[in-house]
N, C-alpha and C. Protein backbone atom coordinates (compact mmCIF):
# COMPACT_ATOMS: atom_id res chain seq x y z
N MET A 1 -191.43 -19.53 119.39
CA MET A 1 -190.60 -18.85 118.40
C MET A 1 -191.49 -18.16 117.36
N HIS A 2 -192.43 -18.92 116.82
CA HIS A 2 -193.33 -18.37 115.81
C HIS A 2 -194.12 -17.20 116.39
N HIS A 3 -194.60 -17.37 117.60
CA HIS A 3 -195.39 -16.34 118.27
C HIS A 3 -194.58 -15.06 118.42
N CYS A 4 -193.33 -15.21 118.80
CA CYS A 4 -192.44 -14.07 119.00
C CYS A 4 -192.27 -13.31 117.69
N ASN A 5 -192.12 -14.02 116.61
CA ASN A 5 -191.96 -13.40 115.29
C ASN A 5 -193.19 -12.59 114.91
N THR A 6 -194.36 -13.16 115.16
CA THR A 6 -195.61 -12.48 114.85
C THR A 6 -195.71 -11.19 115.64
N LEU A 7 -195.33 -11.26 116.88
CA LEU A 7 -195.38 -10.09 117.76
C LEU A 7 -194.46 -9.00 117.22
N LYS A 8 -193.27 -9.39 116.80
CA LYS A 8 -192.31 -8.42 116.25
C LYS A 8 -192.89 -7.73 115.02
N LYS A 9 -193.48 -8.53 114.15
CA LYS A 9 -194.07 -7.99 112.93
C LYS A 9 -195.16 -6.99 113.27
N TYR A 10 -196.00 -7.36 114.23
CA TYR A 10 -197.10 -6.51 114.65
C TYR A 10 -196.58 -5.19 115.21
N LEU A 11 -195.57 -5.29 116.08
CA LEU A 11 -194.97 -4.09 116.67
C LEU A 11 -194.42 -3.17 115.59
N TYR A 12 -193.75 -3.77 114.63
CA TYR A 12 -193.16 -3.00 113.54
C TYR A 12 -194.23 -2.22 112.78
N ILE A 13 -195.34 -2.89 112.48
CA ILE A 13 -196.45 -2.26 111.76
C ILE A 13 -197.01 -1.10 112.57
N VAL A 14 -197.20 -1.32 113.87
CA VAL A 14 -197.75 -0.28 114.74
C VAL A 14 -196.82 0.92 114.78
N ILE A 15 -195.51 0.67 114.91
CA ILE A 15 -194.53 1.76 114.96
C ILE A 15 -194.54 2.53 113.64
N GLN A 16 -194.55 1.81 112.52
CA GLN A 16 -194.58 2.45 111.21
C GLN A 16 -195.81 3.35 111.09
N TYR A 17 -196.95 2.82 111.51
CA TYR A 17 -198.21 3.56 111.40
C TYR A 17 -198.16 4.83 112.25
N ASN A 18 -197.70 4.68 113.49
CA ASN A 18 -197.62 5.83 114.39
C ASN A 18 -196.66 6.88 113.85
N PHE A 19 -195.55 6.43 113.30
CA PHE A 19 -194.56 7.34 112.77
C PHE A 19 -195.14 8.14 111.61
N THR A 20 -195.84 7.43 110.72
CA THR A 20 -196.46 8.09 109.57
C THR A 20 -197.48 9.11 110.05
N TYR A 21 -198.29 8.71 111.02
CA TYR A 21 -199.32 9.59 111.56
C TYR A 21 -198.68 10.84 112.16
N PHE A 22 -197.63 10.63 112.95
CA PHE A 22 -196.93 11.73 113.60
C PHE A 22 -196.37 12.69 112.56
N CYS A 23 -195.72 12.15 111.55
CA CYS A 23 -195.13 12.99 110.50
C CYS A 23 -196.19 13.80 109.78
N THR A 24 -197.33 13.17 109.52
CA THR A 24 -198.41 13.86 108.81
C THR A 24 -198.94 15.02 109.63
N THR A 25 -199.18 14.78 110.92
CA THR A 25 -199.72 15.85 111.76
C THR A 25 -198.70 16.97 111.90
N GLN A 26 -197.42 16.60 112.06
CA GLN A 26 -196.37 17.60 112.18
C GLN A 26 -196.33 18.45 110.92
N TRP A 27 -196.42 17.81 109.76
CA TRP A 27 -196.36 18.51 108.48
C TRP A 27 -197.52 19.48 108.35
N LYS A 28 -198.72 19.07 108.79
CA LYS A 28 -199.89 19.94 108.71
C LYS A 28 -199.69 21.17 109.58
N GLN A 29 -199.11 20.97 110.76
CA GLN A 29 -198.85 22.09 111.66
C GLN A 29 -197.85 23.04 111.01
N TRP A 30 -196.83 22.49 110.38
CA TRP A 30 -195.81 23.28 109.70
C TRP A 30 -196.43 24.12 108.60
N GLU A 31 -197.29 23.47 107.81
CA GLU A 31 -197.96 24.17 106.71
C GLU A 31 -198.76 25.35 107.23
N ARG A 32 -199.48 25.13 108.32
CA ARG A 32 -200.29 26.19 108.92
C ARG A 32 -199.40 27.34 109.35
N THR A 33 -198.29 27.01 110.00
CA THR A 33 -197.35 28.04 110.48
C THR A 33 -196.78 28.82 109.30
N LEU A 34 -196.39 28.10 108.25
CA LEU A 34 -195.82 28.75 107.07
C LEU A 34 -196.82 29.70 106.43
N LYS A 35 -198.08 29.27 106.35
CA LYS A 35 -199.11 30.12 105.76
C LYS A 35 -199.28 31.39 106.56
N LEU A 36 -199.29 31.24 107.89
CA LEU A 36 -199.42 32.41 108.76
C LEU A 36 -198.26 33.36 108.55
N CYS A 37 -197.05 32.83 108.49
CA CYS A 37 -195.85 33.65 108.29
C CYS A 37 -195.93 34.38 106.96
N ARG A 38 -196.37 33.68 105.93
CA ARG A 38 -196.45 34.28 104.61
C ARG A 38 -197.46 35.43 104.62
N MET A 39 -198.60 35.22 105.28
CA MET A 39 -199.61 36.26 105.37
C MET A 39 -199.05 37.49 106.08
N GLN A 40 -198.35 37.26 107.18
CA GLN A 40 -197.75 38.37 107.94
C GLN A 40 -196.76 39.13 107.06
N PHE A 41 -195.94 38.37 106.34
CA PHE A 41 -194.92 38.95 105.48
C PHE A 41 -195.57 39.83 104.40
N VAL A 42 -196.63 39.31 103.80
CA VAL A 42 -197.34 40.04 102.74
C VAL A 42 -197.96 41.31 103.32
N ASN A 43 -198.54 41.20 104.50
CA ASN A 43 -199.18 42.36 105.13
C ASN A 43 -198.16 43.43 105.48
N ASN A 44 -196.99 43.00 105.95
CA ASN A 44 -195.96 43.96 106.35
C ASN A 44 -195.28 44.57 105.14
N GLY A 45 -195.16 43.78 104.07
CA GLY A 45 -194.46 44.25 102.88
C GLY A 45 -195.37 45.18 102.10
């Protein structure tokens, strides 16, 4: 029982970490895309 609980806690931490990592990388990609769009817009305007 105790072992199972520890495993659950560990899994939860791993999932949280991966989720945070994924969100961060996604956000960086978004920022890059937005910057490119802004540059294009400025150049065209």
